[in-house]
PDB file of N, CA and C in Angstrom:
ATOM      1  N   MET A   1     113.297  96.500 156.905  1.00  0.00           N
ATOM      2  CA  MET A   1     113.120  96.968 155.534  1.00  0.00           C
ATOM      3  C   MET A   1     114.492  97.136 154.877  1.00  0.00           C
ATOM      4  N   ALA A   2     114.582  96.759 153.630  1.00  0.00           N
ATOM      5  CA  ALA A   2     115.834  96.868 152.890  1.00  0.00           C
ATOM      6  C   ALA A   2     115.904  98.205 152.152  1.00  0.00           C
ATOM      7  N   PHE A   3     117.089  98.760 152.136  1.00  0.00           N
ATOM      8  CA  PHE A   3     117.360 100.012 151.442  1.00  0.00           C
ATOM      9  C   PHE A   3     118.507  99.778 150.471  1.00  0.00           C
ATOM     10  N   ARG A   4     118.414 100.361 149.285  1.00  0.00           N
ATOM     11  CA  ARG A   4     119.500 100.241 148.313  1.00  0.00           C
ATOM     12  C   ARG A   4     120.455 101.413 148.508  1.00  0.00           C
ATOM     13  N   VAL A   5     121.728 101.137 148.565  1.00  0.00           N
ATOM     14  CA  VAL A   5     122.746 102.176 148.712  1.00  0.00           C
ATOM     15  C   VAL A   5     122.974 102.789 147.343  1.00  0.00           C
ATOM     16  N   ILE A   6     122.682 104.081 147.224  1.00  0.00           N
ATOM     17  CA  ILE A   6     122.776 104.735 145.918  1.00  0.00           C
ATOM     18  C   ILE A   6     124.007 105.622 145.756  1.00  0.00           C
ATOM     19  N   GLU A   7     124.629 106.021 146.882  1.00  0.00           N
ATOM     20  CA  GLU A   7     125.827 106.854 146.788  1.00  0.00           C
ATOM     21  C   GLU A   7     126.607 106.792 148.100  1.00  0.00           C
ATOM     22  N   ILE A   8     127.913 106.669 147.989  1.00  0.00           N
ATOM     23  CA  ILE A   8     128.786 106.704 149.154  1.00  0.00           C
ATOM     24  C   ILE A   8     129.288 108.134 149.299  1.00  0.00           C
ATOM     25  N   LEU A   9     129.065 108.731 150.458  1.00  0.00           N
ATOM     26  CA  LEU A   9     129.476 110.113 150.690  1.00  0.00           C
ATOM     27  C   LEU A   9     130.819 110.204 151.402  1.00  0.00           C
ATOM     28  N   GLU A  10     131.049 109.309 152.356  1.00  0.00           N
ATOM     29  CA  GLU A  10     132.308 109.228 153.099  1.00  0.00           C
ATOM     30  C   GLU A  10     132.500 107.759 153.478  1.00  0.00           C
ATOM     31  N   GLY A  11     133.542 107.460 154.199  1.00  0.00           N
ATOM     32  CA  GLY A  11     133.822 106.089 154.586  1.00  0.00           C
ATOM     33  C   GLY A  11     132.867 105.518 155.613  1.00  0.00           C
ATOM     34  N   ASP A  12     131.967 106.368 156.145  1.00  0.00           N
ATOM     35  CA  ASP A  12     130.982 105.902 157.126  1.00  0.00           C
ATOM     36  C   ASP A  12     129.582 106.463 156.883  1.00  0.00           C
ATOM     37  N   THR A  13     129.377 107.105 155.743  1.00  0.00           N
ATOM     38  CA  THR A  13     128.114 107.801 155.461  1.00  0.00           C
ATOM     39  C   THR A  13     127.716 107.566 154.006  1.00  0.00           C
ATOM     40  N   PHE A  14     126.408 107.334 153.783  1.00  0.00           N
ATOM     41  CA  PHE A  14     125.945 107.057 152.428  1.00  0.00           C
ATOM     42  C   PHE A  14     124.472 107.412 152.257  1.00  0.00           C
ATOM     43  N   LYS A  15     124.033 107.453 151.005  1.00  0.00           N
ATOM     44  CA  LYS A  15     122.632 107.721 150.675  1.00  0.00           C
ATOM     45  C   LYS A  15     121.931 106.410 150.344  1.00  0.00           C
ATOM     46  N   VAL A  16     120.643 106.351 150.706  1.00  0.00           N
ATOM     47  CA  VAL A  16     119.846 105.159 150.440  1.00  0.00           C
ATOM     48  C   VAL A  16     118.563 105.517 149.702  1.00  0.00           C
ATOM     49  N   PHE A  17     117.960 104.491 149.109  1.00  0.00           N
ATOM     50  CA  PHE A  17     116.643 104.592 148.501  1.00  0.00           C
ATOM     51  C   PHE A  17     115.862 103.353 148.893  1.00  0.00           C
ATOM     52  N   PRO A  18     114.619 103.465 149.317  1.00  0.00           N
ATOM     53  CA  PRO A  18     113.865 104.701 149.503  1.00  0.00           C
ATOM     54  C   PRO A  18     114.334 105.443 150.757  1.00  0.00           C
ATOM     55  N   ASN A  19     113.740 106.589 151.007  1.00  0.00           N
ATOM     56  CA  ASN A  19     114.079 107.361 152.198  1.00  0.00           C
ATOM     57  C   ASN A  19     113.739 106.592 153.462  1.00  0.00           C
ATOM     58  N   TRP A  20     114.530 106.797 154.501  1.00  0.00           N
ATOM     59  CA  TRP A  20     114.215 106.250 155.816  1.00  0.00           C
ATOM     60  C   TRP A  20     113.219 107.187 156.496  1.00  0.00           C
ATOM     61  N   SER A  21     112.540 106.684 157.492  1.00  0.00           N
ATOM     62  CA  SER A  21     111.591 107.484 158.282  1.00  0.00           C
ATOM     63  C   SER A  21     111.716 107.044 159.738  1.00  0.00           C
ATOM     64  N   TRP A  22     111.919 108.018 160.633  1.00  0.00           N
ATOM     65  CA  TRP A  22     112.088 107.715 162.050  1.00  0.00           C
ATOM     66  C   TRP A  22     111.732 108.955 162.864  1.00  0.00           C
ATOM     67  N   HIS A  23     110.916 108.772 163.880  1.00  0.00           N
ATOM     68  CA  HIS A  23     110.506 109.864 164.773  1.00  0.00           C
ATOM     69  C   HIS A  23     109.980 111.079 164.010  1.00  0.00           C
ATOM     70  N   LYS A  24     109.084 110.814 163.082  1.00  0.00           N
ATOM     71  CA  LYS A  24     108.418 111.853 162.286  1.00  0.00           C
ATOM     72  C   LYS A  24     109.368 112.647 161.388  1.00  0.00           C
ATOM     73  N   GLU A  25     110.546 112.119 161.163  1.00  0.00           N
ATOM     74  CA  GLU A  25     111.489 112.731 160.225  1.00  0.00           C
ATOM     75  C   GLU A  25     111.850 111.697 159.178  1.00  0.00           C
ATOM     76  N   SER A  26     112.320 112.183 158.041  1.00  0.00           N
ATOM     77  CA  SER A  26     112.759 111.257 156.999  1.00  0.00           C
ATOM     78  C   SER A  26     113.905 111.893 156.221  1.00  0.00           C
ATOM     79  N   GLY A  27     114.608 111.062 155.513  1.00  0.00           N
ATOM     80  CA  GLY A  27     115.736 111.517 154.722  1.00  0.00           C
ATOM     81  C   GLY A  27     116.360 110.345 154.000  1.00  0.00           C
ATOM     82  N   ASN A  28     117.482 110.598 153.353  1.00  0.00           N
ATOM     83  CA  ASN A  28     118.117 109.514 152.608  1.00  0.00           C
ATOM     84  C   ASN A  28     119.598 109.328 152.938  1.00  0.00           C
ATOM     85  N   ILE A  29     120.098 110.035 153.961  1.00  0.00           N
ATOM     86  CA  ILE A  29     121.499 109.895 154.334  1.00  0.00           C
ATOM     87  C   ILE A  29     121.604 109.162 155.664  1.00  0.00           C
ATOM     88  N   VAL A  30     122.519 108.199 155.702  1.00  0.00           N
ATOM     89  CA  VAL A  30     122.705 107.349 156.872  1.00  0.00           C
ATOM     90  C   VAL A  30     124.187 107.326 157.246  1.00  0.00           C
ATOM     91  N   LYS A  31     124.448 107.322 158.545  1.00  0.00           N
ATOM     92  CA  LYS A  31     125.819 107.193 159.069  1.00  0.00           C
ATOM     93  C   LYS A  31     125.867 105.943 159.936  1.00  0.00           C
ATOM     94  N   ILE A  32     126.928 105.191 159.806  1.00  0.00           N
ATOM     95  CA  ILE A  32     127.106 103.962 160.568  1.00  0.00           C
ATOM     96  C   ILE A  32     127.364 104.309 162.032  1.00  0.00           C
ATOM     97  N   TYR A  33     126.549 103.768 162.921  1.00  0.00           N
ATOM     98  CA  TYR A  33     126.701 104.011 164.351  1.00  0.00           C
ATOM     99  C   TYR A  33     127.968 103.362 164.889  1.00  0.00           C
ATOM    100  N   ASP A  34     128.654 104.105 165.742  1.00  0.00           N
ATOM    101  CA  ASP A  34     129.818 103.599 166.465  1.00  0.00           C
ATOM    102  C   ASP A  34     130.967 103.208 165.536  1.00  0.00           C
ATOM    103  N   TYR A  35     131.081 103.908 164.415  1.00  0.00           N
ATOM    104  CA  TYR A  35     132.181 103.664 163.486  1.00  0.00           C
ATOM    105  C   TYR A  35     132.623 105.012 162.928  1.00  0.00           C
ATOM    106  N   GLU A  36     133.886 105.288 163.011  1.00  0.00           N
ATOM    107  CA  GLU A  36     134.423 106.547 162.495  1.00  0.00           C
ATOM    108  C   GLU A  36     135.415 106.252 161.383  1.00  0.00           C
ATOM    109  N   SER A  37     135.310 107.017 160.326  1.00  0.00           N
ATOM    110  CA  SER A  37     136.286 106.912 159.246  1.00  0.00           C
ATOM    111  C   SER A  37     136.936 108.279 159.082  1.00  0.00           C
ATOM    112  N   PRO A  38     138.057 108.343 158.384  1.00  0.00           N
ATOM    113  CA  PRO A  38     138.725 109.636 158.196  1.00  0.00           C
ATOM    114  C   PRO A  38     137.810 110.645 157.488  1.00  0.00           C
ATOM    115  N   GLU A  39     137.903 111.898 157.913  1.00  0.00           N
ATOM    116  CA  GLU A  39     137.130 112.976 157.300  1.00  0.00           C
ATOM    117  C   GLU A  39     137.843 113.459 156.040  1.00  0.00           C
ATOM    118  N   LYS A  40     137.105 114.153 155.186  1.00  0.00           N
ATOM    119  CA  LYS A  40     137.679 114.686 153.956  1.00  0.00           C
ATOM    120  C   LYS A  40     138.894 115.545 154.288  1.00  0.00           C
ATOM    121  N   GLY A  41     139.970 115.326 153.568  1.00  0.00           N
ATOM    122  CA  GLY A  41     141.206 116.053 153.804  1.00  0.00           C
ATOM    123  C   GLY A  41     142.174 115.314 154.722  1.00  0.00           C
ATOM    124  N   GLU A  42     141.683 114.295 155.427  1.00  0.00           N
ATOM    125  CA  GLU A  42     142.540 113.515 156.307  1.00  0.00           C
ATOM    126  C   GLU A  42     143.161 112.346 155.548  1.00  0.00           C
ATOM    127  N   SER A  43     144.253 111.860 156.091  1.00  0.00           N
ATOM    128  CA  SER A  43     144.916 110.698 155.521  1.00  0.00           C
ATOM    129  C   SER A  43     143.949 109.510 155.479  1.00  0.00           C
ATOM    130  N   ARG A  44     143.988 108.775 154.421  1.00  0.00           N
ATOM    131  CA  ARG A  44     143.206 107.545 154.226  1.00  0.00           C
ATOM    132  C   ARG A  44     141.711 107.787 153.969  1.00  0.00           C
ATOM    133  N   TYR A  45     141.314 109.040 153.779  1.00  0.00           N
ATOM    134  CA  TYR A  45     139.902 109.343 153.498  1.00  0.00           C
ATOM    135  C   TYR A  45     139.427 108.615 152.245  1.00  0.00           C
ATOM    136  N   GLU A  46     140.159 108.742 151.151  1.00  0.00           N
ATOM    137  CA  GLU A  46     139.753 108.131 149.883  1.00  0.00           C
ATOM    138  C   GLU A  46     139.753 106.605 149.980  1.00  0.00           C
ATOM    139  N   ILE A  47     140.678 106.051 150.718  1.00  0.00           N
ATOM    140  CA  ILE A  47     140.737 104.602 150.889  1.00  0.00           C
ATOM    141  C   ILE A  47     139.496 104.104 151.622  1.00  0.00           C
ATOM    142  N   ALA A  48     139.122 104.802 152.706  1.00  0.00           N
ATOM    143  CA  ALA A  48     137.942 104.407 153.485  1.00  0.00           C
ATOM    144  C   ALA A  48     136.670 104.529 152.650  1.00  0.00           C
ATOM    145  N   LYS A  49     136.574 105.600 151.884  1.00  0.00           N
ATOM    146  CA  LYS A  49     135.397 105.809 151.038  1.00  0.00           C
ATOM    147  C   LYS A  49     135.300 104.718 149.959  1.00  0.00           C
ATOM    148  N   LYS A  50     136.431 104.405 149.333  1.00  0.00           N
ATOM    149  CA  LYS A  50     136.435 103.380 148.289  1.00  0.00           C
ATOM    150  C   LYS A  50     136.112 102.003 148.868  1.00  0.00           C
ATOM    151  N   ARG A  51     136.591 101.739 150.064  1.00  0.00           N
ATOM    152  CA  ARG A  51     136.322 100.450 150.707  1.00  0.00           C
ATOM    153  C   ARG A  51     134.823 100.260 150.936  1.00  0.00           C
ATOM    154  N   LEU A  52     134.172 101.305 151.448  1.00  0.00           N
ATOM    155  CA  LEU A  52     132.728 101.221 151.676  1.00  0.00           C
ATOM    156  C   LEU A  52     131.981 101.106 150.347  1.00  0.00           C
ATOM    157  N   LYS A  53     132.439 101.847 149.352  1.00  0.00           N
ATOM    158  CA  LYS A  53     131.809 101.787 148.023  1.00  0.00           C
ATOM    159  C   LYS A  53     131.901 100.377 147.440  1.00  0.00           C
ATOM    160  N   ASN A  54     133.068  99.775 147.519  1.00  0.00           N
ATOM    161  CA  ASN A  54     133.246  98.420 146.990  1.00  0.00           C
ATOM    162  C   ASN A  54     132.382  97.403 147.722  1.00  0.00           C
ATOM    163  N   LEU A  55     132.112  97.663 148.981  1.00  0.00           N
ATOM    164  CA  LEU A  55     131.340  96.731 149.794  1.00  0.00           C
ATOM    165  C   LEU A  55     129.833  96.846 149.563  1.00  0.00           C
ATOM    166  N   ILE A  56     129.281  98.074 149.555  1.00  0.00           N
ATOM    167  CA  ILE A  56     127.815  98.195 149.557  1.00  0.00           C
ATOM    168  C   ILE A  56     127.192  99.045 148.454  1.00  0.00           C
ATOM    169  N   GLN A  57     127.966  99.688 147.601  1.00  0.00           N
ATOM    170  CA  GLN A  57     127.378 100.510 146.537  1.00  0.00           C
ATOM    171  C   GLN A  57     126.435  99.668 145.672  1.00  0.00           C
ATOM    172  N   ASN A  58     125.212 100.154 145.481  1.00  0.00           N
ATOM    173  CA  ASN A  58     124.169  99.482 144.693  1.00  0.00           C
ATOM    174  C   ASN A  58     123.732  98.139 145.287  1.00  0.00           C
ATOM    175  N   LYS A  59     124.015  97.936 146.563  1.00  0.00           N
ATOM    176  CA  LYS A  59     123.584  96.725 147.248  1.00  0.00           C
ATOM    177  C   LYS A  59     122.501  97.089 148.261  1.00  0.00           C
ATOM    178  N   LYS A  60     121.874  96.078 148.827  1.00  0.00           N
ATOM    179  CA  LYS A  60     120.824  96.317 149.819  1.00  0.00           C
ATOM    180  C   LYS A  60     121.367  96.159 151.224  1.00  0.00           C
ATOM    181  N   VAL A  61     120.975  97.098 152.079  1.00  0.00           N
ATOM    182  CA  VAL A  61     121.347  97.056 153.488  1.00  0.00           C
ATOM    183  C   VAL A  61     120.076  97.203 154.323  1.00  0.00           C
ATOM    184  N   GLU A  62     120.190  96.833 155.583  1.00  0.00           N
ATOM    185  CA  GLU A  62     119.092  97.030 156.523  1.00  0.00           C
ATOM    186  C   GLU A  62     119.522  98.059 157.557  1.00  0.00           C
ATOM    187  N   ILE A  63     118.615  98.960 157.878  1.00  0.00           N
ATOM    188  CA  ILE A  63     118.852  99.954 158.920  1.00  0.00           C
ATOM    189  C   ILE A  63     118.138  99.453 160.163  1.00  0.00           C
ATOM    190  N   LYS A  64     118.916  99.228 161.225  1.00  0.00           N
ATOM    191  CA  LYS A  64     118.341  98.696 162.462  1.00  0.00           C
ATOM    192  C   LYS A  64     118.724  99.581 163.641  1.00  0.00           C
ATOM    193  N   ASP A  65     117.857  99.612 164.618  1.00  0.00           N
ATOM    194  CA  ASP A  65     118.107 100.296 165.877  1.00  0.00           C
ATOM    195  C   ASP A  65     118.641 101.717 165.695  1.00  0.00           C
ATOM    196  N   PRO A  66     117.865 102.605 165.056  1.00  0.00           N
ATOM    197  CA  PRO A  66     118.310 103.993 164.917  1.00  0.00           C
ATOM    198  C   PRO A  66     118.643 104.603 166.273  1.00  0.00           C
ATOM    199  N   LYS A  67     119.684 105.412 166.311  1.00  0.00           N
ATOM    200  CA  LYS A  67     120.145 106.024 167.560  1.00  0.00           C
ATOM    201  C   LYS A  67     119.783 107.501 167.632  1.00  0.00           C
ATOM    202  N   ASP A  68     119.942 108.224 166.504  1.00  0.00           N
ATOM    203  CA  ASP A  68     119.780 109.672 166.525  1.00  0.00           C
ATOM    204  C   ASP A  68     119.698 110.196 165.092  1.00  0.00           C
ATOM    205  N   ILE A  69     119.271 111.430 164.976  1.00  0.00           N
ATOM    206  CA  ILE A  69     119.333 112.167 163.721  1.00  0.00           C
ATOM    207  C   ILE A  69     120.158 113.407 164.023  1.00  0.00           C
ATOM    208  N   ASP A  70     121.251 113.592 163.308  1.00  0.00           N
ATOM    209  CA  ASP A  70     122.107 114.739 163.626  1.00  0.00           C
ATOM    210  C   ASP A  70     121.560 116.027 163.026  1.00  0.00           C
ATOM    211  N   LYS A  71     122.259 117.118 163.245  1.00  0.00           N
ATOM    212  CA  LYS A  71     121.788 118.439 162.817  1.00  0.00           C
ATOM    213  C   LYS A  71     121.650 118.556 161.293  1.00  0.00           C
ATOM    214  N   ASN A  72     122.316 117.673 160.550  1.00  0.00           N
ATOM    215  CA  ASN A  72     122.230 117.679 159.086  1.00  0.00           C
ATOM    216  C   ASN A  72     121.191 116.700 158.550  1.00  0.00           C
ATOM    217  N   LYS A  73     120.329 116.197 159.431  1.00  0.00           N
ATOM    218  CA  LYS A  73     119.293 115.228 159.088  1.00  0.00           C
ATOM    219  C   LYS A  73     119.875 113.907 158.590  1.00  0.00           C
ATOM    220  N   ILE A  74     120.983 113.527 159.199  1.00  0.00           N
ATOM    221  CA  ILE A  74     121.604 112.239 158.903  1.00  0.00           C
ATOM    222  C   ILE A  74     121.210 111.261 159.997  1.00  0.00           C
ATOM    223  N   LEU A  75     120.631 110.137 159.591  1.00  0.00           N
ATOM    224  CA  LEU A  75     120.235 109.108 160.543  1.00  0.00           C
ATOM    225  C   LEU A  75     121.457 108.301 160.956  1.00  0.00           C
ATOM    226  N   ILE A  76     121.661 108.175 162.250  1.00  0.00           N
ATOM    227  CA  ILE A  76     122.759 107.386 162.794  1.00  0.00           C
ATOM    228  C   ILE A  76     122.158 106.093 163.320  1.00  0.00           C
ATOM    229  N   ALA A  77     122.607 104.965 162.768  1.00  0.00           N
ATOM    230  CA  ALA A  77     121.975 103.682 163.093  1.00  0.00           C
ATOM    231  C   ALA A  77     122.934 102.527 162.847  1.00  0.00           C
ATOM    232  N   ASP A  78     122.548 101.357 163.377  1.00  0.00           N
ATOM    233  CA  ASP A  78     123.262 100.129 163.036  1.00  0.00           C
ATOM    234  C   ASP A  78     122.872  99.764 161.610  1.00  0.00           C
ATOM    235  N   ILE A  79     123.834  99.387 160.813  1.00  0.00           N
ATOM    236  CA  ILE A  79     123.598  99.016 159.424  1.00  0.00           C
ATOM    237  C   ILE A  79     124.013  97.562 159.239  1.00  0.00           C
ATOM    238  N   TYR A  80     123.127  96.798 158.618  1.00  0.00           N
ATOM    239  CA  TYR A  80     123.409  95.382 158.387  1.00  0.00           C
ATOM    240  C   TYR A  80     123.479  95.093 156.893  1.00  0.00           C
ATOM    241  N   TYR A  81     124.479  94.296 156.529  1.00  0.00           N
ATOM    242  CA  TYR A  81     124.665  93.856 155.150  1.00  0.00           C
ATOM    243  C   TYR A  81     124.851  92.341 155.190  1.00  0.00           C
ATOM    244  N   LYS A  82     124.043  91.639 154.427  1.00  0.00           N
ATOM    245  CA  LYS A  82     124.065  90.170 154.399  1.00  0.00           C
ATOM    246  C   LYS A  82     123.931  89.579 155.797  1.00  0.00           C
ATOM    247  N   GLY A  83     123.088  90.207 156.619  1.00  0.00           N
ATOM    248  CA  GLY A  83     122.792  89.679 157.942  1.00  0.00           C
ATOM    249  C   GLY A  83     123.786  90.011 159.036  1.00  0.00           C
ATOM    250  N   LYS A  84     124.876  90.711 158.703  1.00  0.00           N
ATOM    251  CA  LYS A  84     125.888  91.064 159.697  1.00  0.00           C
ATOM    252  C   LYS A  84     125.986  92.581 159.827  1.00  0.00           C
ATOM    253  N   ASN A  85     126.310  93.015 161.051  1.00  0.00           N
ATOM    254  CA  ASN A  85     126.544  94.434 161.260  1.00  0.00           C
ATOM    255  C   ASN A  85     127.701  94.858 160.362  1.00  0.00           C
ATOM    256  N   LEU A  86     127.513  95.957 159.646  1.00  0.00           N
ATOM    257  CA  LEU A  86     128.513  96.440 158.700  1.00  0.00           C
ATOM    258  C   LEU A  86     129.875  96.654 159.358  1.00  0.00           C
ATOM    259  N   ILE A  87     129.887  96.980 160.630  1.00  0.00           N
ATOM    260  CA  ILE A  87     131.156  97.179 161.338  1.00  0.00           C
ATOM    261  C   ILE A  87     132.025  95.918 161.272  1.00  0.00           C
ATOM    262  N   HIS A  88     131.414  94.740 161.264  1.00  0.00           N
ATOM    263  CA  HIS A  88     132.192  93.504 161.176  1.00  0.00           C
ATOM    264  C   HIS A  88     132.978  93.435 159.864  1.00  0.00           C
ATOM    265  N   TYR A  89     132.362  93.909 158.775  1.00  0.00           N
ATOM    266  CA  TYR A  89     133.062  93.916 157.488  1.00  0.00           C
ATOM    267  C   TYR A  89     134.166  94.962 157.475  1.00  0.00           C
ATOM    268  N   LEU A  90     133.866  96.121 158.038  1.00  0.00           N
ATOM    269  CA  LEU A  90     134.820  97.231 157.981  1.00  0.00           C
ATOM    270  C   LEU A  90     135.985  97.079 158.952  1.00  0.00           C
ATOM    271  N   SER A  91     135.771  96.339 160.016  1.00  0.00           N
ATOM    272  CA  SER A  91     136.848  96.138 160.993  1.00  0.00           C
ATOM    273  C   SER A  91     137.650  94.866 160.708  1.00  0.00           C
ATOM    274  N   GLY A  92     137.250  94.133 159.686  1.00  0.00           N
ATOM    275  CA  GLY A  92     137.969  92.922 159.325  1.00  0.00           C
ATOM    276  C   GLY A  92     137.596  91.703 160.139  1.00  0.00           C
ATOM    277  N   LYS A  93     136.458  91.770 160.850  1.00  0.00           N
ATOM    278  CA  LYS A  93     136.020  90.645 161.684  1.00  0.00           C
ATOM    279  C   LYS A  93     134.980  89.787 160.987  1.00  0.00           C
ATOM    280  N   GLN A  94     135.100  89.611 159.695  1.00  0.00           N
ATOM    281  CA  GLN A  94     134.122  88.875 158.926  1.00  0.00           C
ATOM    282  C   GLN A  94     134.036  87.460 159.432  1.00  0.00           C
TER     283      GLN A  94
END
């Protein structure tokens, strides 16, 4: 199922529409599995956030192979954009 990215929250976390649903829970915030970006207040935080925004803001992504839901109800999963794992775009392995 395709989800539209409606807001970038951090360099590895964003909101989608419609809400995701997994293991009887649902929400609209997703974190990219196995990818870490700088946290707010750290060096390069704004750069990482802008990079993700330029790549997927208002675009469609696929959520595949959910791994977990964290304590803040954020779904951690593999994210695909244009058929490739988003990590390939973010790591420069396009």
